[in-house]
N, C-alpha and C. Protein backbone atom coordinates (compact mmCIF):
# COMPACT_ATOMS: atom_id res chain seq x y z
N MET A 1 56.87 103.31 116.05
CA MET A 1 58.05 102.79 116.30
C MET A 1 58.95 102.63 115.01
N THR A 2 58.39 101.91 113.99
CA THR A 2 59.09 101.48 112.89
C THR A 2 59.70 102.58 112.08
N VAL A 3 58.80 103.77 112.16
CA VAL A 3 59.15 104.92 111.46
C VAL A 3 60.47 105.55 112.14
N ILE A 4 60.33 105.54 113.33
CA ILE A 4 61.49 106.21 114.10
C ILE A 4 62.82 105.34 113.85
N LYS A 5 62.72 103.99 113.84
CA LYS A 5 63.84 103.18 113.63
C LYS A 5 64.28 103.43 112.27
N THR A 6 63.40 103.30 111.28
CA THR A 6 63.79 103.72 109.95
C THR A 6 64.63 105.09 109.79
N ARG A 7 63.95 106.05 110.33
CA ARG A 7 64.48 107.40 110.24
C ARG A 7 65.91 107.36 110.90
N LEU A 8 66.14 106.75 111.95
CA LEU A 8 67.40 106.64 112.72
C LEU A 8 68.29 106.01 111.94
N VAL A 9 68.03 104.85 111.28
CA VAL A 9 68.90 104.12 110.21
C VAL A 9 69.35 104.95 109.15
N CYS A 10 68.38 105.68 108.63
CA CYS A 10 68.57 106.56 107.56
C CYS A 10 69.75 107.65 107.84
N GLU A 11 69.44 108.30 109.15
CA GLU A 11 70.30 109.19 109.60
C GLU A 11 71.76 108.75 109.83
N ILE A 12 71.83 107.67 110.35
CA ILE A 12 73.20 107.01 110.62
C ILE A 12 73.84 106.73 109.26
N ILE A 13 73.17 106.23 108.27
CA ILE A 13 73.71 106.03 106.91
C ILE A 13 74.19 107.31 106.30
N LEU A 14 73.31 108.40 106.48
CA LEU A 14 73.69 109.59 106.00
C LEU A 14 75.08 110.24 106.66
N ILE A 15 75.12 109.98 108.00
CA ILE A 15 76.20 110.64 108.72
C ILE A 15 77.53 109.75 108.23
N LEU A 16 77.41 108.51 108.27
CA LEU A 16 78.65 107.66 107.85
C LEU A 16 78.87 107.92 106.34
N GLY A 17 77.90 108.20 105.56
CA GLY A 17 78.34 108.47 104.23
C GLY A 17 78.90 109.88 104.11
N LEU A 18 78.50 110.67 104.78
CA LEU A 18 79.11 112.04 104.77
C LEU A 18 80.50 112.13 105.49
N THR A 19 80.55 111.39 106.38
CA THR A 19 81.98 111.16 107.09
C THR A 19 82.92 110.55 106.23
N GLN A 20 82.62 109.63 105.38
CA GLN A 20 83.32 109.08 104.40
C GLN A 20 83.81 110.04 103.16
N LEU A 21 82.90 110.77 102.88
CA LEU A 21 83.06 111.72 101.82
C LEU A 21 83.80 112.89 102.21
N ILE A 22 83.69 113.30 103.64
CA ILE A 22 84.32 114.53 104.17
C ILE A 22 85.76 114.26 104.48
N CYS A 23 86.07 113.07 105.23
CA CYS A 23 87.32 112.77 105.78
C CYS A 23 87.75 111.32 105.54
N GLY A 24 86.97 110.57 104.80
CA GLY A 24 87.50 109.28 104.50
C GLY A 24 88.41 109.44 103.49
N HIS A 25 89.43 108.19 103.45
CA HIS A 25 90.35 108.04 102.43
C HIS A 25 90.13 106.79 101.70
N HIS A 26 90.25 106.81 100.44
CA HIS A 26 90.16 105.50 99.71
C HIS A 26 91.45 104.76 99.51
N VAL A 27 91.49 103.56 99.71
CA VAL A 27 92.64 102.81 99.39
C VAL A 27 92.45 102.14 98.11
N TYR A 28 93.24 102.28 97.18
CA TYR A 28 93.06 101.74 95.91
C TYR A 28 94.17 100.58 95.79
N ASN A 29 93.75 99.38 95.38
CA ASN A 29 94.50 98.31 95.14
C ASN A 29 95.03 98.44 93.60
N VAL A 30 96.14 98.82 93.32
CA VAL A 30 96.73 99.05 91.89
C VAL A 30 96.46 97.82 91.13
N GLY A 31 95.69 98.00 90.09
CA GLY A 31 95.59 96.80 89.11
C GLY A 31 94.25 95.98 89.49
N ASP A 32 93.66 96.40 90.75
CA ASP A 32 92.48 95.61 91.07
C ASP A 32 92.93 94.14 91.54
N TYR A 33 92.07 93.29 91.09
CA TYR A 33 92.59 91.86 91.38
C TYR A 33 93.73 91.34 90.61
N HIS A 34 94.12 92.12 89.62
CA HIS A 34 95.28 91.52 88.87
C HIS A 34 96.69 91.98 89.47
N ASN A 35 96.55 93.07 90.40
CA ASN A 35 97.57 93.62 91.26
C ASN A 35 98.51 94.37 90.33
N TRP A 36 99.76 94.67 90.73
CA TRP A 36 100.82 95.19 90.15
C TRP A 36 101.57 94.14 89.25
N ASN A 37 101.48 94.12 88.06
CA ASN A 37 102.21 93.24 87.13
C ASN A 37 102.23 93.60 85.74
N PRO A 38 102.90 93.04 84.94
CA PRO A 38 103.41 93.66 83.57
C PRO A 38 102.13 93.24 82.59
N HIS A 39 101.05 92.57 82.91
CA HIS A 39 99.88 92.26 82.06
C HIS A 39 98.64 93.18 82.43
N VAL A 40 98.76 94.20 83.09
CA VAL A 40 97.60 95.09 83.29
C VAL A 40 97.84 96.41 82.41
N ASP A 41 96.79 96.92 82.02
CA ASP A 41 96.70 98.26 81.28
C ASP A 41 96.49 99.31 82.34
N TYR A 42 97.55 99.93 82.85
CA TYR A 42 97.36 100.77 83.90
C TYR A 42 96.75 102.15 83.56
N LYS A 43 96.73 102.60 82.34
CA LYS A 43 96.26 103.63 81.78
C LYS A 43 94.62 103.49 81.73
N ALA A 44 94.20 102.33 81.45
CA ALA A 44 92.70 101.99 81.59
C ALA A 44 92.33 101.90 82.96
N TRP A 45 93.10 101.30 83.89
CA TRP A 45 92.80 101.13 85.23
C TRP A 45 92.79 102.50 85.92
N VAL A 46 93.64 103.42 85.73
CA VAL A 46 93.50 104.77 86.38
C VAL A 46 92.24 105.66 85.69
N ALA A 47 91.75 105.42 84.42
CA ALA A 47 90.86 106.06 83.79
C ALA A 47 89.44 106.16 84.65
N GLY A 48 88.83 107.16 84.76
CA GLY A 48 87.67 107.26 85.47
C GLY A 48 87.74 107.30 87.08
N LYS A 49 89.00 107.18 87.61
CA LYS A 49 89.18 107.25 88.98
C LYS A 49 89.59 108.64 89.31
N THR A 50 89.10 109.21 90.51
CA THR A 50 89.47 110.49 91.14
C THR A 50 90.12 110.33 92.34
N PHE A 51 91.29 110.84 92.28
CA PHE A 51 92.26 110.63 93.62
C PHE A 51 92.26 112.11 94.25
N TYR A 52 92.25 111.92 95.71
CA TYR A 52 92.33 113.05 96.51
C TYR A 52 93.38 112.90 97.56
N PRO A 53 94.00 114.20 98.09
CA PRO A 53 94.94 113.84 99.20
C PRO A 53 94.46 113.04 100.29
N GLY A 54 95.14 112.34 100.81
CA GLY A 54 94.63 111.17 101.75
C GLY A 54 94.44 109.76 101.32
N ASP A 55 94.23 109.74 99.94
CA ASP A 55 94.15 108.45 99.44
C ASP A 55 95.38 107.57 99.45
N VAL A 56 95.17 106.46 99.35
CA VAL A 56 96.48 105.38 99.48
C VAL A 56 96.31 104.52 98.20
N LEU A 57 97.58 104.35 97.52
CA LEU A 57 97.87 103.38 96.54
C LEU A 57 98.43 102.06 97.26
N GLU A 58 97.78 101.08 97.05
CA GLU A 58 98.29 99.69 97.56
C GLU A 58 98.84 99.01 96.46
N PHE A 59 100.15 98.73 96.31
CA PHE A 59 100.79 97.93 95.36
C PHE A 59 101.08 96.61 95.81
N LYS A 60 100.51 95.50 95.23
CA LYS A 60 100.80 94.10 95.69
C LYS A 60 101.31 93.46 94.44
N PHE A 61 102.38 92.74 94.67
CA PHE A 61 103.16 92.06 93.61
C PHE A 61 103.96 90.89 93.95
N VAL A 62 104.40 90.10 93.10
CA VAL A 62 105.06 88.86 93.42
C VAL A 62 106.53 89.09 93.52
N GLU A 63 107.15 88.27 94.34
CA GLU A 63 108.51 88.38 94.60
C GLU A 63 109.26 88.47 93.39
N GLY A 64 110.17 89.39 93.22
CA GLY A 64 111.08 89.55 91.92
C GLY A 64 110.58 90.90 91.25
N LEU A 65 109.45 91.27 91.54
CA LEU A 65 109.05 92.70 90.91
C LEU A 65 109.40 93.89 91.78
N ASN A 66 109.18 94.98 91.39
CA ASN A 66 109.34 96.12 92.28
C ASN A 66 108.31 97.28 91.89
N VAL A 67 108.33 98.13 92.68
CA VAL A 67 107.50 99.48 92.41
C VAL A 67 108.58 100.70 92.80
N LYS A 68 108.74 101.56 91.80
CA LYS A 68 109.48 102.74 92.02
C LYS A 68 108.76 104.02 91.74
N GLN A 69 108.66 104.96 92.55
CA GLN A 69 108.16 106.32 92.38
C GLN A 69 109.36 107.06 91.78
N VAL A 70 109.00 107.65 90.65
CA VAL A 70 110.04 108.51 90.09
C VAL A 70 109.40 109.80 89.44
N THR A 71 110.22 110.69 88.83
CA THR A 71 109.87 111.97 88.43
C THR A 71 109.13 111.82 87.10
N ALA A 72 108.62 112.75 86.66
CA ALA A 72 107.74 112.85 85.29
C ALA A 72 108.82 112.43 84.15
N LYS A 73 109.98 112.99 84.23
CA LYS A 73 110.92 112.85 83.10
C LYS A 73 111.47 111.34 83.22
N ASP A 74 111.67 110.96 84.40
CA ASP A 74 112.24 109.27 84.35
C ASP A 74 111.13 108.38 84.05
N PHE A 75 109.72 108.79 84.27
CA PHE A 75 108.62 108.14 84.09
C PHE A 75 108.53 107.88 82.61
N GLU A 76 108.75 109.12 81.67
CA GLU A 76 108.46 108.95 80.24
C GLU A 76 109.74 108.12 79.71
N ALA A 77 110.83 108.15 80.30
CA ALA A 77 111.95 107.50 79.83
C ALA A 77 112.22 106.00 80.40
N CYS A 78 111.34 105.64 81.45
CA CYS A 78 111.46 104.39 82.04
C CYS A 78 112.78 104.31 82.75
N LYS A 79 113.24 105.43 83.47
CA LYS A 79 114.61 105.26 84.21
C LYS A 79 114.26 105.34 85.71
N ALA A 80 114.94 104.43 86.34
CA ALA A 80 114.73 104.26 87.78
C ALA A 80 115.73 104.69 88.59
N GLU A 81 117.10 105.08 88.02
CA GLU A 81 118.31 105.14 88.83
C GLU A 81 118.04 106.22 89.82
N ASN A 82 117.21 107.33 89.71
CA ASN A 82 116.95 108.33 90.78
C ASN A 82 115.71 108.28 91.47
N ALA A 83 115.12 107.01 91.61
CA ALA A 83 113.84 106.75 92.30
C ALA A 83 113.61 107.63 93.60
N ILE A 84 112.66 108.12 93.68
CA ILE A 84 112.01 108.90 94.75
C ILE A 84 111.93 107.87 96.04
N LEU A 85 111.20 106.78 95.79
CA LEU A 85 111.13 105.68 96.63
C LEU A 85 111.02 104.39 95.90
N GLU A 86 111.32 103.31 96.67
CA GLU A 86 111.23 101.87 95.95
C GLU A 86 110.98 101.01 96.82
N ASP A 87 110.22 99.87 96.36
CA ASP A 87 109.75 98.80 97.26
C ASP A 87 109.93 97.61 96.50
N HIS A 88 110.48 96.52 97.25
CA HIS A 88 110.60 95.03 96.72
C HIS A 88 109.92 94.07 97.57
N SER A 89 109.09 94.71 98.48
CA SER A 89 108.61 93.71 99.55
C SER A 89 107.38 92.85 98.89
N GLY A 90 106.70 93.31 97.88
CA GLY A 90 105.52 92.58 97.46
C GLY A 90 104.28 93.26 97.92
N LYS A 91 104.37 93.94 98.81
CA LYS A 91 103.13 94.83 99.23
C LYS A 91 103.49 96.07 99.95
N THR A 92 103.04 97.29 99.35
CA THR A 92 103.48 98.52 99.95
C THR A 92 102.26 99.34 99.55
N ALA A 93 102.01 100.21 100.59
CA ALA A 93 100.96 101.27 100.60
C ALA A 93 101.73 102.70 100.48
N ILE A 94 101.29 103.41 99.40
CA ILE A 94 101.89 104.81 99.32
C ILE A 94 100.74 105.84 99.32
N PRO A 95 100.78 106.77 100.48
CA PRO A 95 99.76 107.58 100.65
C PRO A 95 100.03 108.79 99.64
N LEU A 96 98.90 109.20 99.14
CA LEU A 96 99.02 110.44 98.19
C LEU A 96 98.68 111.63 99.13
N ASN A 97 99.80 112.18 99.60
CA ASN A 97 99.65 113.26 100.56
C ASN A 97 99.21 114.70 100.00
N LYS A 98 99.47 114.97 98.73
CA LYS A 98 99.28 116.34 98.20
C LYS A 98 98.77 116.26 96.82
N THR A 99 98.23 117.38 96.32
CA THR A 99 97.75 117.41 94.99
C THR A 99 99.05 117.27 94.04
N GLY A 100 98.71 116.79 92.87
CA GLY A 100 99.75 116.86 91.78
C GLY A 100 99.92 115.56 91.16
N ASN A 101 100.79 115.27 90.47
CA ASN A 101 100.98 113.99 89.74
C ASN A 101 102.07 113.09 90.43
N TYR A 102 101.74 111.82 90.39
CA TYR A 102 102.60 110.89 90.97
C TYR A 102 102.85 109.69 89.99
N TYR A 103 104.32 109.36 89.80
CA TYR A 103 104.56 108.32 88.80
C TYR A 103 105.22 107.35 89.35
N PHE A 104 104.78 105.99 88.81
CA PHE A 104 105.36 104.78 89.28
C PHE A 104 105.79 103.88 88.14
N ILE A 105 106.86 103.22 88.40
CA ILE A 105 107.31 102.20 87.23
C ILE A 105 107.71 100.87 88.03
N CYS A 106 107.79 99.86 87.19
CA CYS A 106 108.52 98.75 87.56
C CYS A 106 109.85 98.85 86.51
N SER A 107 110.99 98.67 87.43
CA SER A 107 112.26 98.72 86.81
C SER A 107 112.84 97.52 86.24
N LEU A 108 112.24 96.44 86.40
CA LEU A 108 112.60 95.05 85.97
C LEU A 108 112.57 94.84 84.64
N TYR A 109 113.46 94.21 83.99
CA TYR A 109 113.36 93.80 82.41
C TYR A 109 112.96 94.92 81.55
N ASP A 110 112.14 94.78 80.61
CA ASP A 110 111.50 95.75 80.06
C ASP A 110 109.95 96.14 80.30
N TYR A 111 109.61 95.74 81.50
CA TYR A 111 108.30 95.99 81.97
C TYR A 111 107.82 97.25 81.81
N CYS A 112 108.57 98.35 82.22
CA CYS A 112 108.02 99.66 82.14
C CYS A 112 107.75 100.07 80.63
N HIS A 113 108.73 99.80 79.81
CA HIS A 113 108.33 100.18 78.15
C HIS A 113 107.15 99.09 77.78
N MET A 114 106.98 98.26 78.41
CA MET A 114 105.74 97.22 78.04
C MET A 114 104.49 97.88 78.65
N GLY A 115 104.55 98.78 79.54
CA GLY A 115 103.34 99.50 80.05
C GLY A 115 103.24 99.20 81.63
N MET A 116 104.11 98.75 82.20
CA MET A 116 103.98 98.66 83.71
C MET A 116 104.47 99.93 84.31
N LYS A 117 103.51 100.84 84.10
CA LYS A 117 103.80 102.27 84.75
C LYS A 117 102.51 102.95 85.01
N LEU A 118 102.53 103.73 86.02
CA LEU A 118 101.29 104.36 86.45
C LEU A 118 101.42 105.90 86.79
N ASN A 119 100.60 106.52 86.14
CA ASN A 119 100.60 108.10 86.30
C ASN A 119 99.19 108.32 87.07
N VAL A 120 99.39 108.89 88.37
CA VAL A 120 98.16 109.29 89.04
C VAL A 120 98.27 110.68 89.32
N THR A 121 97.07 111.30 89.05
CA THR A 121 96.86 112.84 89.34
C THR A 121 95.89 112.91 90.64
N VAL A 122 96.39 113.77 91.46
CA VAL A 122 95.74 113.85 92.89
C VAL A 122 95.06 115.26 92.68
N ASN A 123 93.72 115.27 92.78
CA ASN A 123 92.87 116.78 92.82
C ASN A 123 93.04 117.52 94.00
């Protein structure tokens, strides 16, 4: 009886694991426990992570900051006037719906030039 229960538990874990692998989406808290703020190295944060369509970036930040999705050109220049989307709410979830590069900046003060910018490549 114990062997059957153990096998059943292993099969359930395998099925759940494959389900997550095949159709599961990962929610990334940008900056981990530091969240979205000017004191995080976002190049280091994104290093080693693999993003796929369906994953979600969750930006959490204090009142007064913002997150703006911009083009590659505006990302390099830290310009937010033509933002694709923007949020000031303090918590926003952005789905990564397709492959390619996504660019995010904070447009307040000189935070973008100080490194408060994120480039995510979705495979």
